[in-house]
């Protein structure tokens, strides 16, 4: 993976366990949507991405990882300029910071604070 990606043993164990299934005759197999490995059928130009972001009409929150996917700085700045999120938070962690026990609580705090600020109802 590009950038400085990492994953704790706990998060990796959870992801692998969730992706396994017993197979007839004994043993296990990984299950996943094989379409995730296909090349994309459509790639968008930056102008198309900007146009899609301009159409967002709801409040937004962006949570980024310090060592997340290495997007180009100008694209990130452009997205922030267009979306104008009410929350933009960078937290310690990597691409799967929401699934990692070392950072999941901080992600939840940001999400719940955002929902409360916007008086949005949620069910756990």
C-alpha atoms as a PDB file:
ATOM      1  CA  UNK A   1       0.000   0.000   0.000  1.00  0.00           C
ATOM      2  CA  UNK A   2       1.263   3.488  -0.706  1.00  0.00           C
ATOM      3  CA  UNK A   3       2.330   5.763   2.094  1.00  0.00           C
ATOM      4  CA  UNK A   4       3.193   4.656   5.586  1.00  0.00           C
ATOM      5  CA  UNK A   5       0.348   2.185   6.146  1.00  0.00           C
ATOM      6  CA  UNK A   6       0.171   0.036   9.257  1.00  0.00           C
ATOM      7  CA  UNK A   7      -2.346  -2.102  11.091  1.00  0.00           C
ATOM      8  CA  UNK A   8      -2.316  -3.339  14.666  1.00  0.00           C
ATOM      9  CA  UNK A   9      -2.336  -7.065  15.318  1.00  0.00           C
ATOM     10  CA  UNK A  10      -5.806  -6.715  16.886  1.00  0.00           C
ATOM     11  CA  UNK A  11      -7.280  -4.990  13.833  1.00  0.00           C
ATOM     12  CA  UNK A  12      -5.610  -7.423  11.431  1.00  0.00           C
ATOM     13  CA  UNK A  13      -6.904 -10.397  13.424  1.00  0.00           C
ATOM     14  CA  UNK A  14     -10.444  -9.006  13.384  1.00  0.00           C
ATOM     15  CA  UNK A  15     -10.359  -8.347   9.634  1.00  0.00           C
ATOM     16  CA  UNK A  16      -8.962 -11.784   8.809  1.00  0.00           C
ATOM     17  CA  UNK A  17     -11.417 -13.537  11.118  1.00  0.00           C
ATOM     18  CA  UNK A  18     -14.340 -11.659   9.592  1.00  0.00           C
ATOM     19  CA  UNK A  19     -13.168 -12.589   6.075  1.00  0.00           C
ATOM     20  CA  UNK A  20     -12.937 -16.341   6.720  1.00  0.00           C
ATOM     21  CA  UNK A  21     -15.575 -18.987   6.247  1.00  0.00           C
ATOM     22  CA  UNK A  22     -15.630 -22.706   6.867  1.00  0.00           C
ATOM     23  CA  UNK A  23     -15.633 -24.824   3.719  1.00  0.00           C
ATOM     24  CA  UNK A  24     -17.252 -28.240   3.217  1.00  0.00           C
ATOM     25  CA  UNK A  25     -14.848 -31.036   4.079  1.00  0.00           C
ATOM     26  CA  UNK A  26     -13.026 -28.953   6.656  1.00  0.00           C
ATOM     27  CA  UNK A  27     -10.738 -26.004   6.607  1.00  0.00           C
ATOM     28  CA  UNK A  28     -11.308 -22.354   5.880  1.00  0.00           C
ATOM     29  CA  UNK A  29     -11.367 -20.050   2.917  1.00  0.00           C
ATOM     30  CA  UNK A  30     -11.174 -16.289   2.603  1.00  0.00           C
ATOM     31  CA  UNK A  31     -14.364 -14.709   1.383  1.00  0.00           C
ATOM     32  CA  UNK A  32     -14.540 -11.298  -0.149  1.00  0.00           C
ATOM     33  CA  UNK A  33     -16.137  -9.573  -3.042  1.00  0.00           C
ATOM     34  CA  UNK A  34     -13.782 -10.434  -5.890  1.00  0.00           C
ATOM     35  CA  UNK A  35     -14.966  -7.299  -7.687  1.00  0.00           C
ATOM     36  CA  UNK A  36     -12.849  -5.324  -5.216  1.00  0.00           C
ATOM     37  CA  UNK A  37      -9.796  -6.599  -7.087  1.00  0.00           C
ATOM     38  CA  UNK A  38     -11.065  -5.616 -10.523  1.00  0.00           C
ATOM     39  CA  UNK A  39      -9.692  -2.495 -12.163  1.00  0.00           C
ATOM     40  CA  UNK A  40     -12.093   0.414 -11.938  1.00  0.00           C
ATOM     41  CA  UNK A  41     -14.541   0.718 -14.797  1.00  0.00           C
ATOM     42  CA  UNK A  42     -14.468   4.472 -14.502  1.00  0.00           C
ATOM     43  CA  UNK A  43     -11.821   6.963 -13.545  1.00  0.00           C
ATOM     44  CA  UNK A  44     -12.889  10.533 -12.901  1.00  0.00           C
ATOM     45  CA  UNK A  45     -11.028  13.646 -13.915  1.00  0.00           C
ATOM     46  CA  UNK A  46     -10.358  16.171 -11.117  1.00  0.00           C
ATOM     47  CA  UNK A  47     -12.986  18.483 -12.614  1.00  0.00           C
ATOM     48  CA  UNK A  48     -15.598  15.717 -12.419  1.00  0.00           C
ATOM     49  CA  UNK A  49     -14.703  15.028  -8.791  1.00  0.00           C
ATOM     50  CA  UNK A  50     -15.012  18.748  -8.022  1.00  0.00           C
ATOM     51  CA  UNK A  51     -18.421  18.823  -9.698  1.00  0.00           C
ATOM     52  CA  UNK A  52     -19.620  15.860  -7.625  1.00  0.00           C
ATOM     53  CA  UNK A  53     -18.407  17.498  -4.410  1.00  0.00           C
ATOM     54  CA  UNK A  54     -20.207  20.747  -5.309  1.00  0.00           C
ATOM     55  CA  UNK A  55     -23.468  18.785  -5.385  1.00  0.00           C
ATOM     56  CA  UNK A  56     -23.139  17.663  -1.737  1.00  0.00           C
ATOM     57  CA  UNK A  57     -25.816  19.494   0.222  1.00  0.00           C
ATOM     58  CA  UNK A  58     -25.550  17.894   3.659  1.00  0.00           C
ATOM     59  CA  UNK A  59     -23.175  18.717   6.502  1.00  0.00           C
ATOM     60  CA  UNK A  60     -19.864  16.922   6.134  1.00  0.00           C
ATOM     61  CA  UNK A  61     -17.139  15.680   8.430  1.00  0.00           C
ATOM     62  CA  UNK A  62     -13.785  14.486   7.186  1.00  0.00           C
ATOM     63  CA  UNK A  63     -11.590  12.315   9.364  1.00  0.00           C
ATOM     64  CA  UNK A  64      -8.110  11.739   7.984  1.00  0.00           C
ATOM     65  CA  UNK A  65      -5.308   9.540   9.257  1.00  0.00           C
ATOM     66  CA  UNK A  66      -1.834  10.961   9.822  1.00  0.00           C
ATOM     67  CA  UNK A  67      -0.465   8.029   7.848  1.00  0.00           C
ATOM     68  CA  UNK A  68      -3.486   7.518   5.637  1.00  0.00           C
ATOM     69  CA  UNK A  69      -3.721   7.264   1.886  1.00  0.00           C
ATOM     70  CA  UNK A  70      -1.193   9.715   0.407  1.00  0.00           C
ATOM     71  CA  UNK A  71      -3.520  12.018  -1.519  1.00  0.00           C
ATOM     72  CA  UNK A  72      -1.851  14.939  -3.228  1.00  0.00           C
ATOM     73  CA  UNK A  73      -1.937  18.019  -1.008  1.00  0.00           C
ATOM     74  CA  UNK A  74      -3.556  20.230  -3.663  1.00  0.00           C
ATOM     75  CA  UNK A  75      -6.411  17.731  -4.133  1.00  0.00           C
ATOM     76  CA  UNK A  76      -7.041  17.602  -0.383  1.00  0.00           C
ATOM     77  CA  UNK A  77      -7.041  21.405  -0.182  1.00  0.00           C
ATOM     78  CA  UNK A  78      -9.401  21.592  -3.170  1.00  0.00           C
ATOM     79  CA  UNK A  79     -11.785  19.114  -1.558  1.00  0.00           C
ATOM     80  CA  UNK A  80     -11.783  21.070   1.696  1.00  0.00           C
ATOM     81  CA  UNK A  81     -12.387  24.297  -0.189  1.00  0.00           C
ATOM     82  CA  UNK A  82     -15.374  22.867  -2.059  1.00  0.00           C
ATOM     83  CA  UNK A  83     -16.962  20.755   0.693  1.00  0.00           C
ATOM     84  CA  UNK A  84     -16.274  23.185   3.543  1.00  0.00           C
ATOM     85  CA  UNK A  85     -16.701  20.434   6.129  1.00  0.00           C
ATOM     86  CA  UNK A  86     -17.845  21.543   9.545  1.00  0.00           C
ATOM     87  CA  UNK A  87     -15.335  19.050  10.925  1.00  0.00           C
ATOM     88  CA  UNK A  88     -11.916  18.236   9.515  1.00  0.00           C
ATOM     89  CA  UNK A  89      -9.829  16.199  11.907  1.00  0.00           C
ATOM     90  CA  UNK A  90      -6.527  14.422  11.400  1.00  0.00           C
ATOM     91  CA  UNK A  91      -5.972  11.611  13.863  1.00  0.00           C
ATOM     92  CA  UNK A  92      -3.022   9.337  14.573  1.00  0.00           C
ATOM     93  CA  UNK A  93      -3.246   6.141  12.598  1.00  0.00           C
ATOM     94  CA  UNK A  94      -3.319   4.658   9.147  1.00  0.00           C
ATOM     95  CA  UNK A  95      -5.906   3.846   6.476  1.00  0.00           C
ATOM     96  CA  UNK A  96      -7.922   1.577   8.792  1.00  0.00           C
ATOM     97  CA  UNK A  97      -7.870   3.892  11.824  1.00  0.00           C
ATOM     98  CA  UNK A  98     -11.606   3.336  12.312  1.00  0.00           C
ATOM     99  CA  UNK A  99     -10.996  -0.422  12.784  1.00  0.00           C
ATOM    100  CA  UNK A 100      -7.897  -0.225  14.924  1.00  0.00           C
ATOM    101  CA  UNK A 101      -8.422  -0.440  18.707  1.00  0.00           C
ATOM    102  CA  UNK A 102      -5.630   2.116  19.149  1.00  0.00           C
ATOM    103  CA  UNK A 103      -7.588   4.812  17.279  1.00  0.00           C
ATOM    104  CA  UNK A 104     -11.217   3.676  16.892  1.00  0.00           C
ATOM    105  CA  UNK A 105     -12.357   5.480  20.048  1.00  0.00           C
ATOM    106  CA  UNK A 106     -10.970   8.800  18.777  1.00  0.00           C
ATOM    107  CA  UNK A 107     -12.803   8.280  15.463  1.00  0.00           C
ATOM    108  CA  UNK A 108     -16.047   7.590  17.323  1.00  0.00           C
ATOM    109  CA  UNK A 109     -15.583  10.718  19.436  1.00  0.00           C
ATOM    110  CA  UNK A 110     -15.277  12.860  16.303  1.00  0.00           C
ATOM    111  CA  UNK A 111     -18.291  11.201  14.652  1.00  0.00           C
ATOM    112  CA  UNK A 112     -20.528  11.476  17.720  1.00  0.00           C
ATOM    113  CA  UNK A 113     -19.498  15.101  18.320  1.00  0.00           C
ATOM    114  CA  UNK A 114     -20.299  15.901  14.679  1.00  0.00           C
ATOM    115  CA  UNK A 115     -23.717  14.233  14.891  1.00  0.00           C
ATOM    116  CA  UNK A 116     -24.524  15.999  18.172  1.00  0.00           C
ATOM    117  CA  UNK A 117     -23.419  19.364  16.769  1.00  0.00           C
ATOM    118  CA  UNK A 118     -25.796  18.888  13.840  1.00  0.00           C
ATOM    119  CA  UNK A 119     -28.593  17.547  16.080  1.00  0.00           C
ATOM    120  CA  UNK A 120     -28.610  14.351  14.065  1.00  0.00           C
ATOM    121  CA  UNK A 121     -30.211  11.258  15.529  1.00  0.00           C
ATOM    122  CA  UNK A 122     -28.344   7.985  15.476  1.00  0.00           C
ATOM    123  CA  UNK A 123     -28.942   4.480  16.731  1.00  0.00           C
ATOM    124  CA  UNK A 124     -26.174   2.218  17.958  1.00  0.00           C
END
